[in-house]
N, C-alpha and C. Protein backbone atom coordinates (compact mmCIF):
# COMPACT_ATOMS: atom_id res chain seq x y z
N SER A 1 0.83 -1.19 0.00
CA SER A 1 0.01 0.00 0.01
C SER A 1 0.88 1.25 0.00
N ALA A 2 0.25 2.39 -0.22
CA ALA A 2 0.98 3.66 -0.27
C ALA A 2 1.69 3.94 1.05
N LEU A 3 1.01 3.63 2.16
CA LEU A 3 1.63 3.87 3.47
C LEU A 3 2.84 3.00 3.70
N ALA A 4 2.76 1.77 3.24
CA ALA A 4 3.90 0.83 3.38
C ALA A 4 5.09 1.31 2.55
N LEU A 5 4.82 1.83 1.36
CA LEU A 5 5.91 2.37 0.52
C LEU A 5 6.55 3.56 1.19
N LEU A 6 5.78 4.42 1.81
CA LEU A 6 6.34 5.57 2.51
C LEU A 6 7.17 5.13 3.71
N ASP A 7 6.69 4.08 4.42
CA ASP A 7 7.46 3.56 5.54
C ASP A 7 8.79 3.00 5.05
N ALA A 8 8.76 2.32 3.93
CA ALA A 8 10.00 1.75 3.36
C ALA A 8 10.95 2.88 2.98
N ALA A 9 10.42 3.94 2.40
CA ALA A 9 11.28 5.07 2.06
C ALA A 9 11.96 5.68 3.28
N TRP A 10 11.17 5.86 4.33
CA TRP A 10 11.72 6.42 5.58
C TRP A 10 12.80 5.50 6.13
N SER A 11 12.55 4.18 6.06
CA SER A 11 13.48 3.24 6.67
C SER A 11 14.85 3.23 6.02
N VAL A 12 14.93 3.61 4.76
CA VAL A 12 16.22 3.67 4.07
C VAL A 12 16.76 5.09 3.95
N GLY A 13 16.14 6.00 4.70
CA GLY A 13 16.65 7.37 4.76
C GLY A 13 16.10 8.30 3.70
N ILE A 14 15.13 7.89 2.93
CA ILE A 14 14.56 8.78 1.93
C ILE A 14 13.36 9.48 2.56
N GLN A 15 13.41 10.81 2.56
CA GLN A 15 12.33 11.56 3.16
C GLN A 15 11.31 11.96 2.08
N PRO A 16 10.06 11.51 2.22
CA PRO A 16 9.04 11.89 1.26
C PRO A 16 8.79 13.39 1.30
N THR A 17 8.38 13.95 0.17
CA THR A 17 8.06 15.37 0.06
C THR A 17 6.54 15.54 -0.12
N THR A 18 6.12 16.80 -0.17
CA THR A 18 4.70 17.05 -0.44
C THR A 18 4.32 16.45 -1.81
N GLY A 19 5.21 16.49 -2.75
CA GLY A 19 4.98 15.90 -4.05
C GLY A 19 4.81 14.39 -4.00
N THR A 20 5.64 13.77 -3.17
CA THR A 20 5.53 12.32 -3.01
C THR A 20 4.16 11.94 -2.43
N TYR A 21 3.76 12.69 -1.42
CA TYR A 21 2.46 12.45 -0.79
C TYR A 21 1.34 12.74 -1.76
N GLY A 22 1.49 13.79 -2.56
CA GLY A 22 0.46 14.14 -3.56
C GLY A 22 0.29 13.03 -4.58
N ALA A 23 1.40 12.48 -5.05
CA ALA A 23 1.35 11.38 -6.00
C ALA A 23 0.74 10.14 -5.41
N ALA A 24 1.11 9.84 -4.15
CA ALA A 24 0.57 8.66 -3.48
C ALA A 24 -0.96 8.84 -3.26
N THR A 25 -1.36 10.05 -2.93
CA THR A 25 -2.79 10.34 -2.74
C THR A 25 -3.56 10.17 -4.03
N GLY A 26 -3.03 10.78 -5.10
CA GLY A 26 -3.68 10.69 -6.41
C GLY A 26 -3.80 9.26 -6.89
N ALA A 27 -2.86 8.42 -6.53
CA ALA A 27 -2.91 7.00 -6.97
C ALA A 27 -4.06 6.27 -6.32
N GLN A 28 -4.61 6.81 -5.27
CA GLN A 28 -5.75 6.12 -4.56
C GLN A 28 -7.06 6.33 -5.31
N ARG A 29 -7.09 7.26 -6.24
CA ARG A 29 -8.33 7.64 -6.91
C ARG A 29 -8.97 6.47 -7.68
N ARG A 30 -8.18 5.82 -8.52
CA ARG A 30 -8.72 4.73 -9.35
C ARG A 30 -9.29 3.60 -8.50
N ALA A 31 -8.67 3.33 -7.38
CA ALA A 31 -9.10 2.25 -6.50
C ALA A 31 -10.21 2.71 -5.59
N GLY A 32 -10.50 4.01 -5.55
CA GLY A 32 -11.54 4.51 -4.65
C GLY A 32 -11.21 4.42 -3.19
N ARG A 33 -9.93 4.44 -2.89
CA ARG A 33 -9.50 4.29 -1.49
C ARG A 33 -9.35 5.63 -0.83
N TRP A 34 -10.48 6.27 -0.56
CA TRP A 34 -10.47 7.58 0.07
C TRP A 34 -9.93 7.54 1.48
N GLU A 35 -10.15 6.42 2.19
CA GLU A 35 -9.65 6.30 3.55
C GLU A 35 -8.13 6.37 3.59
N VAL A 36 -7.51 5.69 2.61
CA VAL A 36 -6.04 5.71 2.52
C VAL A 36 -5.57 7.12 2.21
N ALA A 37 -6.28 7.78 1.30
CA ALA A 37 -5.92 9.17 0.93
C ALA A 37 -6.01 10.09 2.14
N VAL A 38 -7.03 9.94 2.97
CA VAL A 38 -7.17 10.76 4.19
C VAL A 38 -6.01 10.43 5.14
N ALA A 39 -5.68 9.15 5.26
CA ALA A 39 -4.60 8.74 6.15
C ALA A 39 -3.25 9.32 5.66
N LEU A 40 -3.08 9.38 4.36
CA LEU A 40 -1.84 9.95 3.81
C LEU A 40 -1.70 11.42 4.18
N LEU A 41 -2.80 12.19 4.14
CA LEU A 41 -2.73 13.57 4.55
C LEU A 41 -2.32 13.68 6.02
N GLY A 42 -2.96 12.86 6.86
CA GLY A 42 -2.60 12.84 8.28
C GLY A 42 -1.16 12.50 8.51
N ARG A 43 -0.70 11.51 7.76
CA ARG A 43 0.68 11.06 7.89
C ARG A 43 1.64 12.18 7.44
N MET A 44 1.29 12.86 6.38
CA MET A 44 2.10 13.94 5.88
C MET A 44 2.28 15.01 6.93
N VAL A 45 1.17 15.41 7.56
CA VAL A 45 1.22 16.42 8.61
C VAL A 45 2.03 15.88 9.79
N GLY A 46 1.84 14.62 10.14
CA GLY A 46 2.59 14.00 11.21
C GLY A 46 4.08 13.93 10.95
N ASP A 47 4.44 13.88 9.65
CA ASP A 47 5.84 13.86 9.28
C ASP A 47 6.46 15.26 9.23
N GLY A 48 5.63 16.26 9.60
CA GLY A 48 6.15 17.62 9.66
C GLY A 48 6.10 18.39 8.35
N LEU A 49 5.39 17.83 7.37
CA LEU A 49 5.27 18.53 6.09
C LEU A 49 3.96 19.33 6.06
N ARG A 50 4.01 20.43 5.35
CA ARG A 50 2.83 21.29 5.23
C ARG A 50 2.15 20.99 3.91
N PRO A 51 0.89 20.53 3.94
CA PRO A 51 0.19 20.22 2.69
C PRO A 51 -0.01 21.47 1.86
N ASP A 52 0.06 21.33 0.56
CA ASP A 52 -0.16 22.44 -0.33
C ASP A 52 -1.47 22.23 -1.10
N PRO A 53 -1.85 23.19 -1.92
CA PRO A 53 -3.15 23.03 -2.64
C PRO A 53 -3.22 21.75 -3.47
N VAL A 54 -2.15 21.31 -4.06
CA VAL A 54 -2.15 20.08 -4.84
C VAL A 54 -2.52 18.87 -3.98
N ASN A 55 -2.00 18.83 -2.75
CA ASN A 55 -2.32 17.73 -1.88
C ASN A 55 -3.80 17.70 -1.54
N PHE A 56 -4.35 18.87 -1.22
CA PHE A 56 -5.78 18.91 -0.91
C PHE A 56 -6.63 18.61 -2.12
N ASN A 57 -6.24 19.15 -3.27
CA ASN A 57 -7.00 18.87 -4.49
C ASN A 57 -7.00 17.38 -4.83
N ALA A 58 -5.85 16.74 -4.65
CA ALA A 58 -5.77 15.29 -4.92
C ALA A 58 -6.67 14.51 -3.94
N LEU A 59 -6.64 14.89 -2.68
CA LEU A 59 -7.45 14.21 -1.69
C LEU A 59 -8.93 14.40 -2.01
N ILE A 60 -9.37 15.61 -2.30
CA ILE A 60 -10.78 15.86 -2.60
C ILE A 60 -11.16 15.12 -3.87
N SER A 61 -10.30 15.05 -4.83
CA SER A 61 -10.61 14.32 -6.07
C SER A 61 -10.81 12.82 -5.83
N VAL A 62 -10.02 12.28 -4.89
CA VAL A 62 -10.22 10.86 -4.49
C VAL A 62 -11.58 10.72 -3.86
N CYS A 63 -11.95 11.65 -3.01
CA CYS A 63 -13.28 11.63 -2.35
C CYS A 63 -14.38 11.75 -3.41
N ALA A 64 -14.18 12.61 -4.40
CA ALA A 64 -15.17 12.77 -5.46
C ALA A 64 -15.34 11.47 -6.23
N ALA A 65 -14.24 10.81 -6.55
CA ALA A 65 -14.33 9.55 -7.32
C ALA A 65 -15.12 8.50 -6.53
N ALA A 66 -15.06 8.57 -5.21
CA ALA A 66 -15.76 7.62 -4.35
C ALA A 66 -17.12 8.14 -3.88
N ALA A 67 -17.52 9.31 -4.36
CA ALA A 67 -18.81 9.97 -3.98
C ALA A 67 -18.86 10.22 -2.49
N GLU A 68 -17.73 10.46 -1.86
CA GLU A 68 -17.67 10.76 -0.42
C GLU A 68 -17.77 12.26 -0.22
N TRP A 69 -18.98 12.78 -0.42
CA TRP A 69 -19.18 14.24 -0.39
C TRP A 69 -18.98 14.83 1.02
N ARG A 70 -19.35 14.12 2.04
CA ARG A 70 -19.14 14.66 3.41
C ARG A 70 -17.66 14.82 3.72
N VAL A 71 -16.87 13.83 3.35
CA VAL A 71 -15.42 13.87 3.59
C VAL A 71 -14.83 15.03 2.77
N ALA A 72 -15.28 15.13 1.49
CA ALA A 72 -14.77 16.20 0.63
C ALA A 72 -15.04 17.58 1.24
N LEU A 73 -16.27 17.79 1.76
CA LEU A 73 -16.60 19.06 2.39
C LEU A 73 -15.77 19.28 3.66
N ASP A 74 -15.51 18.23 4.42
CA ASP A 74 -14.66 18.37 5.62
C ASP A 74 -13.24 18.77 5.24
N VAL A 75 -12.73 18.15 4.18
CA VAL A 75 -11.37 18.47 3.73
C VAL A 75 -11.34 19.92 3.24
N LEU A 76 -12.35 20.34 2.49
CA LEU A 76 -12.41 21.73 2.04
C LEU A 76 -12.37 22.67 3.23
N ARG A 77 -13.15 22.39 4.22
CA ARG A 77 -13.17 23.25 5.43
C ARG A 77 -11.81 23.27 6.12
N GLY A 78 -11.08 22.13 6.08
CA GLY A 78 -9.82 22.04 6.75
C GLY A 78 -8.65 22.66 6.05
N THR A 79 -8.81 23.06 4.79
CA THR A 79 -7.66 23.61 4.05
C THR A 79 -7.08 24.85 4.75
N ARG A 80 -7.95 25.72 5.22
CA ARG A 80 -7.47 26.97 5.81
C ARG A 80 -6.72 26.74 7.13
N GLN A 81 -7.05 25.68 7.82
CA GLN A 81 -6.35 25.34 9.07
C GLN A 81 -4.87 25.03 8.77
N HIS A 82 -4.60 24.63 7.52
CA HIS A 82 -3.23 24.31 7.13
C HIS A 82 -2.61 25.42 6.30
N GLY A 83 -3.27 26.63 6.31
CA GLY A 83 -2.72 27.76 5.59
C GLY A 83 -2.93 27.72 4.09
N VAL A 84 -3.84 26.88 3.62
CA VAL A 84 -4.08 26.75 2.19
C VAL A 84 -5.42 27.42 1.87
N VAL A 85 -5.40 28.32 0.88
CA VAL A 85 -6.61 28.96 0.43
C VAL A 85 -7.17 28.13 -0.74
N PRO A 86 -8.43 27.68 -0.62
CA PRO A 86 -8.99 26.86 -1.71
C PRO A 86 -9.08 27.67 -3.01
N ASP A 87 -8.79 27.01 -4.11
CA ASP A 87 -8.87 27.65 -5.41
C ASP A 87 -10.01 27.00 -6.22
N VAL A 88 -10.12 27.38 -7.48
CA VAL A 88 -11.23 26.87 -8.29
C VAL A 88 -11.14 25.34 -8.46
N VAL A 89 -9.96 24.79 -8.49
CA VAL A 89 -9.81 23.34 -8.60
C VAL A 89 -10.31 22.66 -7.35
N THR A 90 -9.95 23.23 -6.20
CA THR A 90 -10.40 22.68 -4.90
C THR A 90 -11.94 22.64 -4.84
N TYR A 91 -12.53 23.79 -5.17
CA TYR A 91 -13.99 23.87 -5.15
C TYR A 91 -14.64 22.95 -6.17
N ASN A 92 -14.07 22.91 -7.39
CA ASN A 92 -14.68 22.05 -8.41
C ASN A 92 -14.61 20.58 -8.02
N ALA A 93 -13.56 20.15 -7.41
CA ALA A 93 -13.47 18.76 -6.98
C ALA A 93 -14.51 18.48 -5.88
N THR A 94 -14.73 19.46 -5.00
CA THR A 94 -15.75 19.30 -3.96
C THR A 94 -17.14 19.26 -4.54
N ILE A 95 -17.40 20.14 -5.51
CA ILE A 95 -18.69 20.15 -6.18
C ILE A 95 -18.92 18.82 -6.91
N SER A 96 -17.87 18.32 -7.52
CA SER A 96 -17.97 17.01 -8.19
C SER A 96 -18.33 15.89 -7.22
N ALA A 97 -17.75 15.93 -6.01
CA ALA A 97 -18.10 14.92 -5.02
C ALA A 97 -19.58 15.02 -4.65
N CYS A 98 -20.08 16.24 -4.51
CA CYS A 98 -21.52 16.41 -4.23
C CYS A 98 -22.36 15.94 -5.39
N ASP A 99 -21.94 16.23 -6.59
CA ASP A 99 -22.68 15.78 -7.80
C ASP A 99 -22.73 14.27 -7.85
N ARG A 100 -21.60 13.60 -7.67
CA ARG A 100 -21.59 12.13 -7.77
C ARG A 100 -22.41 11.42 -6.69
N ALA A 101 -22.64 12.16 -5.58
CA ALA A 101 -23.47 11.63 -4.51
C ALA A 101 -24.91 12.13 -4.57
N SER A 102 -25.24 12.81 -5.68
CA SER A 102 -26.58 13.38 -5.88
C SER A 102 -26.97 14.34 -4.77
N GLN A 103 -26.02 15.11 -4.30
CA GLN A 103 -26.27 16.10 -3.25
C GLN A 103 -26.36 17.48 -3.88
N THR A 104 -27.48 17.73 -4.54
CA THR A 104 -27.67 18.98 -5.28
C THR A 104 -27.53 20.21 -4.40
N GLY A 105 -28.21 20.18 -3.24
CA GLY A 105 -28.19 21.32 -2.34
C GLY A 105 -26.75 21.65 -1.88
N GLN A 106 -25.99 20.59 -1.62
CA GLN A 106 -24.60 20.82 -1.18
C GLN A 106 -23.76 21.37 -2.33
N ALA A 107 -24.01 20.91 -3.55
CA ALA A 107 -23.27 21.44 -4.73
C ALA A 107 -23.56 22.92 -4.90
N VAL A 108 -24.85 23.31 -4.79
CA VAL A 108 -25.23 24.73 -4.92
C VAL A 108 -24.59 25.53 -3.79
N ALA A 109 -24.64 25.01 -2.57
CA ALA A 109 -24.04 25.71 -1.43
C ALA A 109 -22.54 25.88 -1.61
N CYS A 110 -21.90 24.90 -2.22
CA CYS A 110 -20.46 24.99 -2.42
C CYS A 110 -20.13 26.12 -3.40
N VAL A 111 -20.97 26.31 -4.42
CA VAL A 111 -20.73 27.43 -5.35
C VAL A 111 -20.93 28.77 -4.60
N ALA A 112 -21.93 28.84 -3.74
CA ALA A 112 -22.11 30.05 -2.94
C ALA A 112 -20.91 30.32 -2.04
N ARG A 113 -20.38 29.27 -1.42
CA ARG A 113 -19.18 29.42 -0.56
C ARG A 113 -17.99 29.84 -1.40
N MET A 114 -17.92 29.29 -2.59
CA MET A 114 -16.84 29.64 -3.52
C MET A 114 -16.86 31.12 -3.83
N ARG A 115 -18.04 31.61 -4.15
CA ARG A 115 -18.19 33.04 -4.46
C ARG A 115 -17.87 33.90 -3.25
N ALA A 116 -18.34 33.47 -2.06
CA ALA A 116 -18.07 34.24 -0.86
C ALA A 116 -16.59 34.33 -0.55
N ASP A 117 -15.83 33.33 -0.99
CA ASP A 117 -14.38 33.30 -0.80
C ASP A 117 -13.64 34.01 -1.92
N GLY A 118 -14.40 34.64 -2.85
CA GLY A 118 -13.78 35.38 -3.92
C GLY A 118 -13.24 34.54 -5.06
N VAL A 119 -13.67 33.30 -5.16
CA VAL A 119 -13.24 32.42 -6.23
C VAL A 119 -14.35 32.37 -7.28
N ARG A 120 -14.02 32.68 -8.51
CA ARG A 120 -15.02 32.76 -9.57
C ARG A 120 -15.29 31.37 -10.14
N PRO A 121 -16.58 30.93 -10.11
CA PRO A 121 -16.89 29.65 -10.73
C PRO A 121 -16.61 29.66 -12.22
N ASN A 122 -16.31 28.51 -12.79
CA ASN A 122 -16.09 28.39 -14.22
C ASN A 122 -17.05 27.37 -14.80
N ALA A 123 -16.86 27.00 -16.06
CA ALA A 123 -17.74 26.07 -16.71
C ALA A 123 -17.77 24.72 -16.02
N VAL A 124 -16.66 24.30 -15.47
CA VAL A 124 -16.61 23.02 -14.76
C VAL A 124 -17.48 23.11 -13.49
N SER A 125 -17.42 24.21 -12.78
CA SER A 125 -18.27 24.39 -11.60
C SER A 125 -19.73 24.28 -11.97
N PHE A 126 -20.11 25.00 -13.01
CA PHE A 126 -21.53 25.00 -13.42
C PHE A 126 -21.96 23.64 -13.96
N SER A 127 -21.14 23.00 -14.74
CA SER A 127 -21.56 21.71 -15.30
C SER A 127 -21.72 20.66 -14.18
N SER A 128 -20.90 20.72 -13.15
CA SER A 128 -21.05 19.78 -12.06
C SER A 128 -22.35 20.03 -11.28
N VAL A 129 -22.68 21.29 -11.05
CA VAL A 129 -23.93 21.59 -10.35
C VAL A 129 -25.11 21.19 -11.26
N MET A 130 -25.01 21.49 -12.56
CA MET A 130 -26.09 21.10 -13.49
C MET A 130 -26.24 19.59 -13.49
N SER A 131 -25.14 18.87 -13.41
CA SER A 131 -25.21 17.42 -13.41
C SER A 131 -25.92 16.90 -12.16
N ALA A 132 -25.64 17.52 -11.01
CA ALA A 132 -26.35 17.13 -9.79
C ALA A 132 -27.83 17.41 -9.92
N MET A 133 -28.18 18.54 -10.49
CA MET A 133 -29.59 18.89 -10.71
C MET A 133 -30.23 17.87 -11.65
N ALA A 134 -29.53 17.53 -12.71
CA ALA A 134 -30.06 16.56 -13.68
C ALA A 134 -30.29 15.19 -13.03
N ARG A 135 -29.35 14.78 -12.17
CA ARG A 135 -29.49 13.50 -11.49
C ARG A 135 -30.79 13.45 -10.66
N SER A 136 -31.16 14.61 -10.12
CA SER A 136 -32.38 14.65 -9.32
C SER A 136 -33.65 14.91 -10.17
N GLY A 137 -33.45 14.98 -11.49
CA GLY A 137 -34.61 15.17 -12.37
C GLY A 137 -35.08 16.63 -12.50
N ASP A 138 -34.29 17.55 -12.02
CA ASP A 138 -34.66 18.97 -12.01
C ASP A 138 -34.18 19.64 -13.30
N TRP A 139 -34.75 19.27 -14.42
CA TRP A 139 -34.29 19.80 -15.70
C TRP A 139 -34.50 21.31 -15.84
N SER A 140 -35.56 21.83 -15.22
CA SER A 140 -35.82 23.27 -15.35
C SER A 140 -34.73 24.09 -14.62
N SER A 141 -34.25 23.62 -13.49
CA SER A 141 -33.16 24.30 -12.79
C SER A 141 -31.86 24.22 -13.59
N VAL A 142 -31.69 23.11 -14.30
CA VAL A 142 -30.52 22.96 -15.17
C VAL A 142 -30.54 24.08 -16.22
N LEU A 143 -31.71 24.30 -16.81
CA LEU A 143 -31.81 25.33 -17.86
C LEU A 143 -31.61 26.75 -17.27
N VAL A 144 -32.12 26.97 -16.08
CA VAL A 144 -31.91 28.28 -15.43
C VAL A 144 -30.40 28.52 -15.21
N LEU A 145 -29.74 27.53 -14.69
CA LEU A 145 -28.29 27.65 -14.43
C LEU A 145 -27.53 27.81 -15.75
N PHE A 146 -27.97 27.09 -16.77
CA PHE A 146 -27.36 27.21 -18.10
C PHE A 146 -27.44 28.67 -18.59
N GLU A 147 -28.57 29.29 -18.40
CA GLU A 147 -28.75 30.70 -18.80
C GLU A 147 -27.94 31.63 -17.90
N ASP A 148 -27.87 31.33 -16.61
CA ASP A 148 -27.10 32.16 -15.65
C ASP A 148 -25.63 32.22 -16.04
N MET A 149 -25.12 31.15 -16.62
CA MET A 149 -23.73 31.15 -17.03
C MET A 149 -23.46 32.29 -17.98
N LEU A 150 -24.32 32.47 -18.95
CA LEU A 150 -24.15 33.54 -19.94
C LEU A 150 -24.22 34.91 -19.26
N LEU A 151 -25.16 35.04 -18.31
CA LEU A 151 -25.29 36.33 -17.59
C LEU A 151 -23.99 36.65 -16.83
N GLU A 152 -23.31 35.60 -16.38
CA GLU A 152 -22.04 35.81 -15.64
C GLU A 152 -20.83 35.86 -16.56
N GLY A 153 -21.07 35.74 -17.85
CA GLY A 153 -19.96 35.82 -18.81
C GLY A 153 -19.15 34.55 -18.89
N ILE A 154 -19.72 33.41 -18.50
CA ILE A 154 -18.99 32.16 -18.56
C ILE A 154 -19.51 31.37 -19.77
N PRO A 155 -18.64 31.15 -20.75
CA PRO A 155 -19.10 30.45 -21.94
C PRO A 155 -19.42 29.00 -21.67
N HIS A 156 -20.40 28.50 -22.41
CA HIS A 156 -20.76 27.08 -22.30
C HIS A 156 -19.72 26.24 -23.00
N ASP A 157 -19.40 25.09 -22.47
CA ASP A 157 -18.53 24.15 -23.14
C ASP A 157 -19.38 22.94 -23.54
N SER A 158 -18.74 21.98 -24.17
CA SER A 158 -19.50 20.80 -24.63
C SER A 158 -20.11 20.02 -23.48
N VAL A 159 -19.45 19.99 -22.32
CA VAL A 159 -20.00 19.28 -21.18
C VAL A 159 -21.29 19.95 -20.69
N CYS A 160 -21.29 21.27 -20.64
CA CYS A 160 -22.51 22.00 -20.22
C CYS A 160 -23.68 21.68 -21.15
N TYR A 161 -23.41 21.73 -22.45
CA TYR A 161 -24.45 21.40 -23.42
C TYR A 161 -24.93 19.98 -23.25
N SER A 162 -24.01 19.06 -23.07
CA SER A 162 -24.35 17.66 -22.93
C SER A 162 -25.22 17.41 -21.73
N VAL A 163 -24.84 18.00 -20.58
CA VAL A 163 -25.62 17.86 -19.36
C VAL A 163 -27.02 18.41 -19.53
N ALA A 164 -27.09 19.63 -20.09
CA ALA A 164 -28.39 20.30 -20.23
C ALA A 164 -29.30 19.53 -21.22
N ILE A 165 -28.74 19.11 -22.34
CA ILE A 165 -29.54 18.38 -23.33
C ILE A 165 -29.97 17.03 -22.75
N GLY A 166 -29.06 16.38 -22.03
CA GLY A 166 -29.39 15.08 -21.41
C GLY A 166 -30.49 15.23 -20.39
N ALA A 167 -30.45 16.30 -19.58
CA ALA A 167 -31.49 16.53 -18.58
C ALA A 167 -32.85 16.71 -19.24
N CYS A 168 -32.88 17.48 -20.34
CA CYS A 168 -34.12 17.68 -21.08
C CYS A 168 -34.60 16.38 -21.70
N ASP A 169 -33.68 15.60 -22.23
CA ASP A 169 -34.05 14.32 -22.83
C ASP A 169 -34.67 13.40 -21.82
N ARG A 170 -34.05 13.26 -20.64
CA ARG A 170 -34.59 12.38 -19.62
C ARG A 170 -35.95 12.81 -19.13
N ALA A 171 -36.23 14.12 -19.22
CA ALA A 171 -37.54 14.63 -18.80
C ALA A 171 -38.54 14.68 -19.97
N SER A 172 -38.16 14.13 -21.10
CA SER A 172 -38.96 14.14 -22.30
C SER A 172 -39.33 15.59 -22.75
N GLU A 173 -38.42 16.49 -22.48
CA GLU A 173 -38.57 17.89 -22.88
C GLU A 173 -37.80 18.08 -24.20
N TRP A 174 -38.29 17.44 -25.24
CA TRP A 174 -37.54 17.42 -26.49
C TRP A 174 -37.45 18.78 -27.16
N ARG A 175 -38.46 19.64 -26.95
CA ARG A 175 -38.36 20.99 -27.54
C ARG A 175 -37.21 21.77 -26.93
N SER A 176 -37.08 21.65 -25.61
CA SER A 176 -35.96 22.35 -24.95
C SER A 176 -34.63 21.77 -25.39
N ALA A 177 -34.59 20.45 -25.49
CA ALA A 177 -33.33 19.79 -25.94
C ALA A 177 -32.96 20.25 -27.34
N LEU A 178 -33.95 20.32 -28.23
CA LEU A 178 -33.69 20.76 -29.60
C LEU A 178 -33.24 22.22 -29.63
N ARG A 179 -33.86 23.06 -28.80
CA ARG A 179 -33.47 24.49 -28.74
C ARG A 179 -32.00 24.60 -28.30
N LEU A 180 -31.59 23.81 -27.31
CA LEU A 180 -30.20 23.83 -26.85
C LEU A 180 -29.27 23.36 -27.94
N PHE A 181 -29.67 22.30 -28.64
CA PHE A 181 -28.81 21.78 -29.68
C PHE A 181 -28.61 22.84 -30.77
N LYS A 182 -29.65 23.58 -31.07
CA LYS A 182 -29.56 24.64 -32.08
C LYS A 182 -28.67 25.78 -31.61
N LEU A 183 -28.62 26.01 -30.31
CA LEU A 183 -27.78 27.08 -29.76
C LEU A 183 -26.27 26.75 -29.78
N MET A 184 -25.97 25.46 -29.85
CA MET A 184 -24.57 25.08 -29.81
C MET A 184 -23.77 25.75 -30.91
N PRO A 185 -22.67 26.37 -30.55
CA PRO A 185 -21.83 26.96 -31.58
C PRO A 185 -21.36 25.87 -32.55
N GLU A 186 -21.15 26.29 -33.76
CA GLU A 186 -20.74 25.30 -34.74
C GLU A 186 -19.32 24.81 -34.54
N GLN A 187 -18.49 25.55 -33.82
CA GLN A 187 -17.10 25.13 -33.66
C GLN A 187 -16.97 23.94 -32.74
N SER A 188 -16.89 22.81 -33.30
CA SER A 188 -16.51 21.53 -32.68
C SER A 188 -17.37 21.07 -31.50
N LEU A 189 -18.47 21.74 -31.18
CA LEU A 189 -19.28 21.27 -30.09
C LEU A 189 -20.35 20.28 -30.56
N ARG A 190 -20.70 20.26 -31.81
CA ARG A 190 -21.75 19.36 -32.27
C ARG A 190 -21.19 17.99 -32.60
């Protein structure tokens, strides 16, 4: 396991760095081992290293892959205790965890917290919230958020279109889906 490898490194005099811990944390994503990723962060702090944004982003991404939204939110809250200011990647990974767990309210609240912290949401932020809304069958809120993006000057990407069209399709709102399809810019989104 990742912890055993770090122990082996220590035993031969190799001191792991924040990068080593970040890589070990990221490796837990495919296996969905969020508990190991959390333990790695604790171990890193115990070893006297200060986690950086990449470490937190990797940990939250592991939580997102496992749909562990509560843990992701706890990690997000804990970043400042370690002197790390969450960035758009940190928030997007947390929103993704909420999306994968169908926690629409938490995803929306995370965007509000993001804005309160002075971090501007991007297309990834919006598409993750729209995805959570779509999972709950709330196609009309997906369309409202889709329109809000333009009001905020955030261009739609192919993922945003896909989520919005898919939400309309699942709700048998074919007119809305067709309208969205017609709105897609011709440059490589169709």
